[in-house]
């Protein structure tokens, strides 16, 4: 299933990678269709058609499984951002941003891509169910906090690229506020916590763009 490289983490074989993907798909399916209360390792293994022991070979704990689900979601978001705007985030610490052909991506384009993801009700529901898990499980809460730390760091890198004259503290605060605004908006725009209106969308875009560049 895997091969050791350099004495570090096992590197998955092609077959192992496919199996891992199918397990992540199963975890997402259970969370979206059945909710966080039913998202046990046994239920997810059943959805994938494997034994619990097989699932735990790849993800020993539910927290590790949720972490992988969130990491994949973030990777997909960054891929969509790159495809649409040419903006690429280099996975460094802290992250760095490369614009299209060395230029700067337009903030309105970035906001449009981020908000477009909220058009996918399954994705919004996935995050809502993970939040609910985090409220009850300290290990998953730690995973979610780390996910949002990375999310904020990526936004901060974009802010810093466009406004190099701003201090690190200002860039960080704007990134954190941007993430809080967008994540809260997902609940309203999806219909989970309210009703979406064109006036709200207009104000949301204006405020989000302003946080990134104004």
N, C-alpha and C. Protein backbone atom coordinates (compact mmCIF):
# COMPACT_ATOMS: atom_id res chain seq x y z
N UNK A 1 0.81 -1.20 0.00
CA UNK A 1 0.00 0.00 0.00
C UNK A 1 0.85 1.26 0.00
N UNK A 2 2.05 1.19 0.59
CA UNK A 2 2.90 2.37 0.64
C UNK A 2 4.35 1.97 0.62
N UNK A 3 5.17 2.97 0.33
CA UNK A 3 6.61 2.75 0.31
C UNK A 3 7.26 3.79 1.19
N UNK A 4 8.30 3.42 1.94
CA UNK A 4 9.02 4.37 2.77
C UNK A 4 10.03 5.11 1.91
N UNK A 5 10.09 6.46 2.10
CA UNK A 5 11.07 7.25 1.37
C UNK A 5 11.83 8.12 2.34
N UNK A 6 13.13 7.95 2.36
CA UNK A 6 13.97 8.80 3.19
C UNK A 6 13.72 8.68 4.66
N UNK A 7 13.15 7.58 5.12
CA UNK A 7 12.92 7.39 6.53
C UNK A 7 11.81 8.25 7.09
N UNK A 8 11.08 8.94 6.20
CA UNK A 8 9.99 9.81 6.66
C UNK A 8 8.64 9.14 6.53
N UNK A 9 7.65 9.97 6.19
CA UNK A 9 6.30 9.46 6.04
C UNK A 9 6.20 8.47 4.90
N UNK A 10 5.34 7.45 5.03
CA UNK A 10 5.14 6.53 3.93
C UNK A 10 4.56 7.25 2.72
N UNK A 11 5.09 6.94 1.54
CA UNK A 11 4.56 7.52 0.31
C UNK A 11 3.58 6.52 -0.29
N UNK A 12 2.36 6.99 -0.56
CA UNK A 12 1.34 6.10 -1.08
C UNK A 12 1.67 5.65 -2.50
N UNK A 13 1.37 4.40 -2.79
CA UNK A 13 1.45 3.91 -4.16
C UNK A 13 0.24 4.46 -4.91
N UNK A 14 0.19 4.26 -6.21
CA UNK A 14 -0.95 4.74 -6.99
C UNK A 14 -2.25 4.12 -6.48
N UNK A 15 -2.21 2.81 -6.21
CA UNK A 15 -3.41 2.13 -5.70
C UNK A 15 -3.79 2.68 -4.33
N UNK A 16 -2.77 2.90 -3.47
CA UNK A 16 -3.04 3.45 -2.15
C UNK A 16 -3.63 4.84 -2.23
N UNK A 17 -3.16 5.64 -3.19
CA UNK A 17 -3.67 6.99 -3.37
C UNK A 17 -5.14 6.95 -3.80
N UNK A 18 -5.48 6.02 -4.67
CA UNK A 18 -6.86 5.88 -5.12
C UNK A 18 -7.77 5.45 -3.97
N UNK A 19 -7.27 4.54 -3.15
CA UNK A 19 -8.05 4.09 -2.00
C UNK A 19 -8.26 5.22 -1.01
N UNK A 20 -7.22 6.01 -0.79
CA UNK A 20 -7.31 7.14 0.12
C UNK A 20 -8.36 8.13 -0.38
N UNK A 21 -8.35 8.38 -1.69
CA UNK A 21 -9.32 9.30 -2.27
C UNK A 21 -10.74 8.79 -2.08
N UNK A 22 -10.94 7.49 -2.25
CA UNK A 22 -12.28 6.92 -2.09
C UNK A 22 -12.75 7.03 -0.64
N UNK A 23 -11.83 6.94 0.30
CA UNK A 23 -12.18 7.07 1.72
C UNK A 23 -12.56 8.51 2.04
N UNK A 24 -11.86 9.46 1.47
CA UNK A 24 -12.20 10.87 1.66
C UNK A 24 -13.56 11.18 1.04
N UNK A 25 -13.81 10.60 -0.13
CA UNK A 25 -15.12 10.77 -0.77
C UNK A 25 -16.23 10.23 0.13
N UNK A 26 -15.97 9.09 0.74
CA UNK A 26 -16.97 8.49 1.63
C UNK A 26 -17.21 9.36 2.85
N UNK A 27 -16.15 9.90 3.41
CA UNK A 27 -16.29 10.77 4.58
C UNK A 27 -17.12 11.99 4.24
N UNK A 28 -16.86 12.60 3.10
CA UNK A 28 -17.65 13.75 2.68
C UNK A 28 -19.12 13.37 2.47
N UNK A 29 -19.34 12.22 1.86
CA UNK A 29 -20.71 11.78 1.58
C UNK A 29 -21.49 11.58 2.87
N UNK A 30 -20.88 10.97 3.86
CA UNK A 30 -21.56 10.74 5.14
C UNK A 30 -21.85 12.06 5.84
N UNK A 31 -20.89 12.95 5.88
CA UNK A 31 -21.08 14.24 6.54
C UNK A 31 -22.19 15.04 5.89
N UNK A 32 -22.22 15.06 4.57
CA UNK A 32 -23.21 15.86 3.85
C UNK A 32 -24.61 15.23 3.91
N UNK A 33 -24.68 13.92 3.72
CA UNK A 33 -25.98 13.27 3.63
C UNK A 33 -26.58 12.90 4.99
N UNK A 34 -25.73 12.53 5.95
CA UNK A 34 -26.24 12.04 7.23
C UNK A 34 -25.95 12.96 8.41
N UNK A 35 -25.00 13.87 8.24
CA UNK A 35 -24.71 14.82 9.30
C UNK A 35 -23.62 14.36 10.24
N UNK A 36 -23.16 15.29 11.07
CA UNK A 36 -22.03 15.02 11.95
C UNK A 36 -22.32 13.95 12.99
N UNK A 37 -23.58 13.83 13.41
CA UNK A 37 -23.94 12.86 14.44
C UNK A 37 -23.73 11.42 13.97
N UNK A 38 -23.80 11.22 12.66
CA UNK A 38 -23.65 9.87 12.10
C UNK A 38 -22.26 9.63 11.52
N UNK A 39 -21.38 10.59 11.66
CA UNK A 39 -20.07 10.50 11.01
C UNK A 39 -19.05 9.75 11.86
N UNK A 40 -19.35 8.52 12.17
CA UNK A 40 -18.40 7.68 12.91
C UNK A 40 -17.47 7.00 11.90
N UNK A 41 -16.36 6.49 12.37
CA UNK A 41 -15.47 5.76 11.48
C UNK A 41 -16.17 4.54 10.90
N UNK A 42 -17.01 3.90 11.70
CA UNK A 42 -17.73 2.73 11.21
C UNK A 42 -18.68 3.09 10.08
N UNK A 43 -19.40 4.21 10.23
CA UNK A 43 -20.32 4.64 9.19
C UNK A 43 -19.58 5.01 7.91
N UNK A 44 -18.45 5.66 8.05
CA UNK A 44 -17.67 6.07 6.89
C UNK A 44 -17.05 4.86 6.20
N UNK A 45 -16.58 3.91 6.98
CA UNK A 45 -16.05 2.67 6.40
C UNK A 45 -17.15 1.94 5.64
N UNK A 46 -18.36 1.92 6.22
CA UNK A 46 -19.48 1.28 5.56
C UNK A 46 -19.82 1.94 4.24
N UNK A 47 -19.78 3.26 4.23
CA UNK A 47 -20.05 4.02 2.99
C UNK A 47 -19.02 3.69 1.92
N UNK A 48 -17.78 3.47 2.35
CA UNK A 48 -16.70 3.16 1.40
C UNK A 48 -16.66 1.69 1.03
N UNK A 49 -17.42 0.87 1.77
CA UNK A 49 -17.43 -0.57 1.49
C UNK A 49 -16.18 -1.28 1.96
N UNK A 50 -15.60 -0.79 3.06
CA UNK A 50 -14.40 -1.42 3.60
C UNK A 50 -14.59 -1.66 5.10
N UNK A 51 -13.67 -2.39 5.69
CA UNK A 51 -13.71 -2.59 7.13
C UNK A 51 -13.12 -1.37 7.85
N UNK A 52 -13.49 -1.22 9.11
CA UNK A 52 -12.98 -0.10 9.89
C UNK A 52 -11.45 -0.14 9.97
N UNK A 53 -10.89 -1.33 10.10
CA UNK A 53 -9.44 -1.47 10.17
C UNK A 53 -8.75 -0.95 8.91
N UNK A 54 -9.40 -1.16 7.77
CA UNK A 54 -8.84 -0.67 6.51
C UNK A 54 -8.83 0.86 6.51
N UNK A 55 -9.93 1.45 6.95
CA UNK A 55 -10.01 2.90 7.04
C UNK A 55 -8.94 3.45 7.97
N UNK A 56 -8.75 2.78 9.10
CA UNK A 56 -7.78 3.25 10.10
C UNK A 56 -6.33 3.05 9.66
N UNK A 57 -6.11 2.21 8.67
CA UNK A 57 -4.77 2.09 8.12
C UNK A 57 -4.34 3.43 7.51
N UNK A 58 -5.29 4.13 6.90
CA UNK A 58 -5.03 5.42 6.27
C UNK A 58 -5.26 6.59 7.23
N UNK A 59 -6.29 6.45 8.05
CA UNK A 59 -6.67 7.52 8.98
C UNK A 59 -6.97 6.89 10.34
N UNK A 60 -5.99 6.80 11.22
CA UNK A 60 -6.17 6.12 12.51
C UNK A 60 -7.28 6.71 13.38
N UNK A 61 -7.52 8.01 13.25
CA UNK A 61 -8.55 8.65 14.08
C UNK A 61 -9.49 9.47 13.20
N UNK A 62 -10.64 9.81 13.76
CA UNK A 62 -11.59 10.63 13.02
C UNK A 62 -11.03 12.04 12.79
N UNK A 63 -10.27 12.53 13.75
CA UNK A 63 -9.67 13.85 13.59
C UNK A 63 -8.71 13.88 12.39
N UNK A 64 -7.93 12.83 12.22
CA UNK A 64 -7.01 12.77 11.09
C UNK A 64 -7.76 12.69 9.77
N UNK A 65 -8.89 12.01 9.79
CA UNK A 65 -9.72 11.92 8.59
C UNK A 65 -10.31 13.29 8.25
N UNK A 66 -10.83 13.98 9.24
CA UNK A 66 -11.39 15.32 9.02
C UNK A 66 -10.31 16.27 8.52
N UNK A 67 -9.12 16.16 9.09
CA UNK A 67 -8.00 16.99 8.65
C UNK A 67 -7.73 16.79 7.16
N UNK A 68 -7.72 15.55 6.72
CA UNK A 68 -7.46 15.26 5.31
C UNK A 68 -8.58 15.78 4.42
N UNK A 69 -9.82 15.69 4.90
CA UNK A 69 -10.96 16.22 4.15
C UNK A 69 -10.81 17.73 3.96
N UNK A 70 -10.46 18.43 5.02
CA UNK A 70 -10.31 19.88 4.95
C UNK A 70 -9.11 20.28 4.09
N UNK A 71 -8.03 19.54 4.20
CA UNK A 71 -6.84 19.85 3.39
C UNK A 71 -7.15 19.69 1.91
N UNK A 72 -7.91 18.66 1.58
CA UNK A 72 -8.27 18.46 0.18
C UNK A 72 -9.19 19.58 -0.31
N UNK A 73 -10.12 20.02 0.55
CA UNK A 73 -11.01 21.11 0.18
C UNK A 73 -10.22 22.39 -0.09
N UNK A 74 -9.22 22.66 0.77
CA UNK A 74 -8.40 23.86 0.58
C UNK A 74 -7.57 23.76 -0.69
N UNK A 75 -7.01 22.60 -0.96
CA UNK A 75 -6.23 22.41 -2.17
C UNK A 75 -7.08 22.64 -3.42
N UNK A 76 -8.32 22.15 -3.39
CA UNK A 76 -9.22 22.35 -4.52
C UNK A 76 -9.56 23.82 -4.70
N UNK A 77 -9.73 24.52 -3.58
CA UNK A 77 -10.02 25.95 -3.65
C UNK A 77 -8.86 26.72 -4.28
N UNK A 78 -7.65 26.37 -3.88
CA UNK A 78 -6.47 27.03 -4.43
C UNK A 78 -6.30 26.72 -5.91
N UNK A 79 -6.66 25.50 -6.32
CA UNK A 79 -6.59 25.13 -7.72
C UNK A 79 -7.58 25.95 -8.55
N UNK A 80 -8.82 26.11 -8.02
CA UNK A 80 -9.82 26.92 -8.73
C UNK A 80 -9.37 28.37 -8.83
N UNK A 81 -8.75 28.86 -7.78
CA UNK A 81 -8.26 30.23 -7.78
C UNK A 81 -7.19 30.42 -8.85
N UNK A 82 -6.28 29.45 -8.94
CA UNK A 82 -5.21 29.52 -9.93
C UNK A 82 -5.76 29.45 -11.35
N UNK A 83 -6.72 28.56 -11.57
CA UNK A 83 -7.30 28.39 -12.90
C UNK A 83 -8.04 29.64 -13.36
N UNK A 84 -8.71 30.31 -12.43
CA UNK A 84 -9.55 31.46 -12.78
C UNK A 84 -8.77 32.76 -12.86
N UNK A 85 -7.84 32.97 -11.92
CA UNK A 85 -7.15 34.26 -11.83
C UNK A 85 -5.67 34.22 -12.19
N UNK A 86 -5.10 33.03 -12.27
CA UNK A 86 -3.66 32.91 -12.49
C UNK A 86 -2.86 33.08 -11.21
N UNK A 87 -3.59 33.27 -10.10
CA UNK A 87 -2.94 33.47 -8.81
C UNK A 87 -2.55 32.13 -8.22
N UNK A 88 -1.30 32.00 -7.83
CA UNK A 88 -0.83 30.74 -7.24
C UNK A 88 -0.17 31.00 -5.90
N UNK A 89 -0.54 30.15 -4.94
CA UNK A 89 0.00 30.27 -3.59
C UNK A 89 1.10 29.23 -3.43
N UNK A 90 2.30 29.71 -3.12
CA UNK A 90 3.41 28.80 -2.86
C UNK A 90 3.34 28.33 -1.42
N UNK A 91 3.35 27.01 -1.23
CA UNK A 91 3.19 26.42 0.09
C UNK A 91 4.47 26.54 0.90
N UNK A 92 4.68 27.74 1.40
CA UNK A 92 5.82 28.01 2.25
C UNK A 92 5.31 28.42 3.62
N UNK A 93 6.19 28.76 4.52
CA UNK A 93 5.77 29.23 5.85
C UNK A 93 6.54 30.50 6.20
N UNK A 94 5.93 31.68 6.02
CA UNK A 94 4.53 31.88 5.61
C UNK A 94 4.35 31.69 4.11
N UNK A 95 3.10 31.50 3.65
CA UNK A 95 2.85 31.31 2.22
C UNK A 95 3.23 32.56 1.43
N UNK A 96 3.53 32.37 0.16
CA UNK A 96 3.82 33.48 -0.75
C UNK A 96 2.90 33.36 -1.95
N UNK A 97 2.66 34.48 -2.61
CA UNK A 97 1.71 34.51 -3.72
C UNK A 97 2.41 34.94 -4.99
N UNK A 98 2.12 34.24 -6.08
CA UNK A 98 2.58 34.62 -7.40
C UNK A 98 1.37 34.99 -8.23
N UNK A 99 1.36 36.19 -8.82
CA UNK A 99 0.26 36.59 -9.68
C UNK A 99 0.44 36.05 -11.08
N UNK A 100 -0.56 36.27 -11.91
CA UNK A 100 -0.49 35.83 -13.30
C UNK A 100 0.68 36.52 -13.99
N UNK A 101 1.59 35.72 -14.53
CA UNK A 101 2.76 36.23 -15.24
C UNK A 101 3.51 37.26 -14.40
N UNK A 102 3.57 37.01 -13.10
CA UNK A 102 4.32 37.88 -12.22
C UNK A 102 3.58 39.13 -11.79
N UNK A 103 2.35 39.34 -12.29
CA UNK A 103 1.57 40.51 -11.93
C UNK A 103 0.74 40.28 -10.68
N UNK A 104 -0.16 41.22 -10.43
CA UNK A 104 -1.02 41.13 -9.25
C UNK A 104 -2.43 40.79 -9.67
N UNK A 105 -3.00 39.79 -9.05
CA UNK A 105 -4.36 39.39 -9.35
C UNK A 105 -5.33 40.45 -8.85
N UNK A 106 -6.43 40.61 -9.56
CA UNK A 106 -7.44 41.58 -9.18
C UNK A 106 -8.22 41.07 -7.97
N UNK A 107 -8.40 41.93 -6.97
CA UNK A 107 -9.08 41.52 -5.74
C UNK A 107 -10.51 41.11 -6.01
N UNK A 108 -11.18 41.79 -6.93
CA UNK A 108 -12.57 41.46 -7.24
C UNK A 108 -12.67 40.05 -7.83
N UNK A 109 -11.67 39.66 -8.63
CA UNK A 109 -11.66 38.31 -9.19
C UNK A 109 -11.50 37.27 -8.09
N UNK A 110 -10.62 37.55 -7.15
CA UNK A 110 -10.39 36.63 -6.03
C UNK A 110 -11.67 36.46 -5.22
N UNK A 111 -12.32 37.56 -4.90
CA UNK A 111 -13.56 37.51 -4.13
C UNK A 111 -14.63 36.73 -4.90
N UNK A 112 -14.71 36.93 -6.20
CA UNK A 112 -15.70 36.22 -7.01
C UNK A 112 -15.49 34.71 -6.95
N UNK A 113 -14.23 34.28 -7.00
CA UNK A 113 -13.93 32.85 -6.94
C UNK A 113 -14.30 32.28 -5.57
N UNK A 114 -13.95 33.01 -4.51
CA UNK A 114 -14.25 32.54 -3.15
C UNK A 114 -15.76 32.43 -2.94
N UNK A 115 -16.50 33.43 -3.37
CA UNK A 115 -17.95 33.42 -3.16
C UNK A 115 -18.65 32.40 -4.07
N UNK A 116 -18.05 32.13 -5.24
CA UNK A 116 -18.64 31.15 -6.15
C UNK A 116 -18.70 29.77 -5.50
N UNK A 117 -17.76 29.49 -4.62
CA UNK A 117 -17.77 28.19 -3.95
C UNK A 117 -19.01 28.01 -3.07
N UNK A 118 -19.58 29.13 -2.63
CA UNK A 118 -20.78 29.06 -1.81
C UNK A 118 -22.03 28.71 -2.62
N UNK A 119 -21.86 28.62 -3.93
CA UNK A 119 -22.97 28.18 -4.78
C UNK A 119 -23.13 26.66 -4.72
N UNK A 120 -22.15 26.00 -4.14
CA UNK A 120 -22.18 24.53 -4.02
C UNK A 120 -22.74 24.17 -2.65
N UNK A 121 -24.02 23.76 -2.58
CA UNK A 121 -24.62 23.48 -1.28
C UNK A 121 -23.95 22.33 -0.54
N UNK A 122 -23.38 21.38 -1.27
CA UNK A 122 -22.70 20.26 -0.62
C UNK A 122 -21.45 20.74 0.11
N UNK A 123 -20.73 21.66 -0.50
CA UNK A 123 -19.51 22.16 0.13
C UNK A 123 -19.84 22.96 1.39
N UNK A 124 -20.88 23.79 1.30
CA UNK A 124 -21.28 24.57 2.47
C UNK A 124 -21.73 23.63 3.59
N UNK A 125 -22.52 22.63 3.23
CA UNK A 125 -23.00 21.68 4.23
C UNK A 125 -21.84 20.92 4.86
N UNK A 126 -20.83 20.59 4.07
CA UNK A 126 -19.66 19.89 4.60
C UNK A 126 -19.00 20.71 5.70
N UNK A 127 -18.79 21.99 5.43
CA UNK A 127 -18.15 22.84 6.44
C UNK A 127 -19.02 22.98 7.68
N UNK A 128 -20.31 23.12 7.50
CA UNK A 128 -21.22 23.26 8.64
C UNK A 128 -21.15 22.03 9.54
N UNK A 129 -21.12 20.86 8.93
CA UNK A 129 -21.07 19.62 9.71
C UNK A 129 -19.72 19.47 10.42
N UNK A 130 -18.65 19.90 9.77
CA UNK A 130 -17.33 19.84 10.41
C UNK A 130 -17.28 20.81 11.58
N UNK A 131 -17.87 21.99 11.41
CA UNK A 131 -17.93 22.94 12.54
C UNK A 131 -18.66 22.32 13.72
N UNK A 132 -19.76 21.63 13.43
CA UNK A 132 -20.54 21.00 14.50
C UNK A 132 -19.71 19.93 15.21
N UNK A 133 -18.95 19.17 14.46
CA UNK A 133 -18.07 18.17 15.07
C UNK A 133 -17.04 18.84 15.97
N UNK A 134 -16.48 19.94 15.49
CA UNK A 134 -15.45 20.64 16.24
C UNK A 134 -15.98 21.18 17.57
N UNK A 135 -17.27 21.50 17.60
CA UNK A 135 -17.85 22.03 18.84
C UNK A 135 -17.94 20.98 19.94
N UNK A 136 -17.85 19.70 19.54
CA UNK A 136 -18.00 18.61 20.50
C UNK A 136 -16.74 17.78 20.70
N UNK A 137 -15.76 17.97 19.86
CA UNK A 137 -14.57 17.13 19.87
C UNK A 137 -13.33 18.02 19.86
N UNK A 138 -12.56 17.99 20.93
CA UNK A 138 -11.38 18.87 21.04
C UNK A 138 -10.33 18.57 19.98
N UNK A 139 -10.17 17.30 19.62
CA UNK A 139 -9.18 16.95 18.61
C UNK A 139 -9.57 17.52 17.24
N UNK A 140 -10.85 17.42 16.91
CA UNK A 140 -11.32 17.97 15.64
C UNK A 140 -11.30 19.49 15.68
N UNK A 141 -11.58 20.07 16.86
CA UNK A 141 -11.49 21.52 17.00
C UNK A 141 -10.08 22.00 16.68
N UNK A 142 -9.08 21.26 17.15
CA UNK A 142 -7.69 21.63 16.88
C UNK A 142 -7.39 21.55 15.39
N UNK A 143 -7.96 20.56 14.72
CA UNK A 143 -7.78 20.40 13.28
C UNK A 143 -8.42 21.58 12.53
N UNK A 144 -9.61 21.95 12.94
CA UNK A 144 -10.32 23.07 12.29
C UNK A 144 -9.57 24.38 12.51
N UNK A 145 -9.06 24.57 13.71
CA UNK A 145 -8.29 25.79 14.00
C UNK A 145 -7.04 25.86 13.13
N UNK A 146 -6.37 24.75 12.92
CA UNK A 146 -5.19 24.72 12.06
C UNK A 146 -5.57 24.99 10.60
N UNK A 147 -6.71 24.46 10.18
CA UNK A 147 -7.19 24.70 8.81
C UNK A 147 -7.41 26.20 8.59
N UNK A 148 -8.06 26.85 9.53
CA UNK A 148 -8.33 28.28 9.37
C UNK A 148 -7.07 29.12 9.55
N UNK A 149 -6.11 28.62 10.31
CA UNK A 149 -4.83 29.32 10.40
C UNK A 149 -4.18 29.37 9.02
N UNK A 150 -4.22 28.25 8.31
CA UNK A 150 -3.65 28.20 6.97
C UNK A 150 -4.45 29.07 6.00
N UNK A 151 -5.77 29.01 6.12
CA UNK A 151 -6.64 29.81 5.26
C UNK A 151 -6.31 31.30 5.43
N UNK A 152 -6.25 31.75 6.68
CA UNK A 152 -5.93 33.15 6.96
C UNK A 152 -4.54 33.50 6.42
N UNK A 153 -3.59 32.60 6.57
CA UNK A 153 -2.22 32.85 6.09
C UNK A 153 -2.19 33.03 4.59
N UNK A 154 -3.01 32.27 3.85
CA UNK A 154 -3.06 32.42 2.41
C UNK A 154 -3.65 33.77 2.02
N UNK A 155 -4.72 34.17 2.71
CA UNK A 155 -5.33 35.47 2.43
C UNK A 155 -4.35 36.59 2.79
N UNK A 156 -3.67 36.43 3.90
CA UNK A 156 -2.69 37.42 4.33
C UNK A 156 -1.59 37.60 3.29
N UNK A 157 -1.17 36.50 2.68
CA UNK A 157 -0.13 36.59 1.64
C UNK A 157 -0.62 37.40 0.45
N UNK A 158 -1.89 37.23 0.11
CA UNK A 158 -2.46 37.98 -1.01
C UNK A 158 -2.56 39.47 -0.67
N UNK A 159 -3.00 39.76 0.56
CA UNK A 159 -3.09 41.15 0.99
C UNK A 159 -1.70 41.80 0.96
N UNK A 160 -0.72 41.08 1.47
CA UNK A 160 0.65 41.60 1.53
C UNK A 160 1.21 41.84 0.14
N UNK A 161 0.84 40.98 -0.81
CA UNK A 161 1.33 41.15 -2.17
C UNK A 161 0.78 42.44 -2.80
N UNK A 162 -0.48 42.71 -2.55
CA UNK A 162 -1.11 43.89 -3.14
C UNK A 162 -0.84 45.18 -2.39
N UNK A 163 -0.57 45.06 -1.10
CA UNK A 163 -0.32 46.24 -0.27
C UNK A 163 0.96 46.07 0.54
N UNK A 164 2.11 46.06 -0.14
CA UNK A 164 3.38 45.84 0.57
C UNK A 164 3.70 46.93 1.58
N UNK A 165 3.04 48.08 1.46
CA UNK A 165 3.30 49.16 2.41
C UNK A 165 2.57 48.97 3.74
N UNK A 166 1.60 48.07 3.80
CA UNK A 166 0.88 47.83 5.04
C UNK A 166 1.75 47.01 6.00
N UNK A 167 1.57 47.24 7.28
CA UNK A 167 2.32 46.47 8.28
C UNK A 167 1.82 45.03 8.34
N UNK A 168 2.63 44.17 8.92
CA UNK A 168 2.23 42.77 9.07
C UNK A 168 0.97 42.65 9.91
N UNK A 169 0.85 43.49 10.93
CA UNK A 169 -0.33 43.45 11.80
C UNK A 169 -1.60 43.81 11.04
N UNK A 170 -1.50 44.83 10.18
CA UNK A 170 -2.67 45.25 9.39
C UNK A 170 -3.06 44.17 8.40
N UNK A 171 -2.07 43.58 7.72
CA UNK A 171 -2.36 42.51 6.75
C UNK A 171 -3.02 41.33 7.43
N UNK A 172 -2.52 40.98 8.60
CA UNK A 172 -3.08 39.85 9.34
C UNK A 172 -4.50 40.14 9.77
N UNK A 173 -4.75 41.32 10.31
CA UNK A 173 -6.08 41.67 10.79
C UNK A 173 -7.09 41.69 9.63
N UNK A 174 -6.68 42.21 8.51
CA UNK A 174 -7.59 42.24 7.36
C UNK A 174 -7.88 40.84 6.83
N UNK A 175 -6.86 40.00 6.84
CA UNK A 175 -7.07 38.62 6.40
C UNK A 175 -8.04 37.89 7.32
N UNK A 176 -7.86 38.06 8.62
CA UNK A 176 -8.75 37.41 9.59
C UNK A 176 -10.18 37.92 9.45
N UNK A 177 -10.34 39.21 9.24
CA UNK A 177 -11.67 39.79 9.07
C UNK A 177 -12.31 39.30 7.78
N UNK A 178 -11.51 39.18 6.71
CA UNK A 178 -12.01 38.68 5.44
C UNK A 178 -12.56 37.27 5.60
N UNK A 179 -11.78 36.41 6.25
CA UNK A 179 -12.22 35.02 6.43
C UNK A 179 -13.48 34.96 7.28
N UNK A 180 -13.54 35.76 8.35
CA UNK A 180 -14.72 35.78 9.20
C UNK A 180 -15.95 36.24 8.42
N UNK A 181 -15.78 37.26 7.60
CA UNK A 181 -16.89 37.80 6.79
C UNK A 181 -17.40 36.76 5.79
N UNK A 182 -16.48 36.15 5.07
CA UNK A 182 -16.86 35.20 4.02
C UNK A 182 -17.47 33.93 4.60
N UNK A 183 -16.88 33.43 5.68
CA UNK A 183 -17.40 32.20 6.27
C UNK A 183 -18.79 32.42 6.87
N UNK A 184 -18.99 33.57 7.51
CA UNK A 184 -20.32 33.88 8.04
C UNK A 184 -21.33 34.07 6.92
N UNK A 185 -20.89 34.67 5.84
CA UNK A 185 -21.78 34.90 4.70
C UNK A 185 -22.27 33.59 4.09
N UNK A 186 -21.45 32.55 4.18
CA UNK A 186 -21.84 31.26 3.62
C UNK A 186 -23.13 30.75 4.26
N UNK A 187 -23.28 30.97 5.54
CA UNK A 187 -24.48 30.52 6.24
C UNK A 187 -25.71 31.27 5.76
N UNK A 188 -25.56 32.57 5.52
CA UNK A 188 -26.68 33.39 5.06
C UNK A 188 -27.00 33.11 3.59
N UNK A 189 -25.99 33.09 2.75
CA UNK A 189 -26.20 32.95 1.31
C UNK A 189 -26.67 31.56 0.93
N UNK A 190 -26.36 30.56 1.75
CA UNK A 190 -26.79 29.19 1.47
C UNK A 190 -28.22 28.93 1.89
N UNK A 191 -28.79 29.84 2.68
CA UNK A 191 -30.14 29.65 3.18
C UNK A 191 -30.21 28.94 4.51
N UNK A 192 -29.07 28.53 5.04
CA UNK A 192 -29.06 27.81 6.32
C UNK A 192 -29.47 28.74 7.46
N UNK A 193 -28.96 29.97 7.43
CA UNK A 193 -29.23 30.90 8.54
C UNK A 193 -29.97 32.16 8.10
N UNK A 194 -30.36 32.23 6.85
CA UNK A 194 -31.05 33.43 6.38
C UNK A 194 -31.38 33.31 4.90
N UNK A 195 -31.76 34.43 4.31
CA UNK A 195 -32.13 34.47 2.90
C UNK A 195 -31.16 35.35 2.14
N UNK A 196 -30.75 34.89 0.99
CA UNK A 196 -29.81 35.63 0.16
C UNK A 196 -30.54 36.69 -0.65
N UNK A 197 -29.97 37.88 -0.72
CA UNK A 197 -30.53 38.96 -1.54
C UNK A 197 -29.43 39.58 -2.38
N UNK A 198 -29.83 40.22 -3.46
CA UNK A 198 -28.84 40.86 -4.33
C UNK A 198 -28.18 42.03 -3.61
N UNK A 199 -28.95 42.73 -2.75
CA UNK A 199 -28.37 43.85 -2.00
C UNK A 199 -27.29 43.36 -1.04
N UNK A 200 -27.54 42.22 -0.40
CA UNK A 200 -26.54 41.66 0.51
C UNK A 200 -25.30 41.25 -0.27
N UNK A 201 -25.48 40.60 -1.41
CA UNK A 201 -24.34 40.18 -2.22
C UNK A 201 -23.50 41.39 -2.65
N UNK A 202 -24.16 42.47 -3.02
CA UNK A 202 -23.45 43.66 -3.46
C UNK A 202 -22.60 44.24 -2.33
N UNK A 203 -23.17 44.32 -1.14
CA UNK A 203 -22.43 44.84 0.00
C UNK A 203 -21.30 43.89 0.42
N UNK A 204 -21.57 42.62 0.34
CA UNK A 204 -20.57 41.62 0.70
C UNK A 204 -19.34 41.74 -0.19
N UNK A 205 -19.56 41.82 -1.48
CA UNK A 205 -18.45 41.95 -2.42
C UNK A 205 -17.67 43.23 -2.15
N UNK A 206 -18.39 44.32 -1.93
CA UNK A 206 -17.73 45.60 -1.69
C UNK A 206 -16.85 45.55 -0.44
N UNK A 207 -17.41 45.00 0.63
CA UNK A 207 -16.64 44.92 1.87
C UNK A 207 -15.46 43.96 1.76
N UNK A 208 -15.67 42.83 1.09
CA UNK A 208 -14.60 41.84 0.95
C UNK A 208 -13.44 42.39 0.11
N UNK A 209 -13.76 43.03 -0.99
CA UNK A 209 -12.72 43.62 -1.84
C UNK A 209 -11.97 44.71 -1.06
N UNK A 210 -12.72 45.52 -0.31
CA UNK A 210 -12.12 46.58 0.47
C UNK A 210 -11.13 46.06 1.49
N UNK A 211 -11.43 44.94 2.10
CA UNK A 211 -10.52 44.36 3.09
C UNK A 211 -9.21 43.92 2.44
N UNK A 212 -9.28 43.49 1.21
CA UNK A 212 -8.08 43.00 0.52
C UNK A 212 -7.20 44.11 -0.03
N UNK A 213 -7.81 45.22 -0.42
CA UNK A 213 -7.03 46.22 -1.15
C UNK A 213 -7.18 47.67 -0.69
N UNK A 214 -8.33 48.08 -0.16
CA UNK A 214 -8.55 49.51 0.17
C UNK A 214 -7.87 49.93 1.46
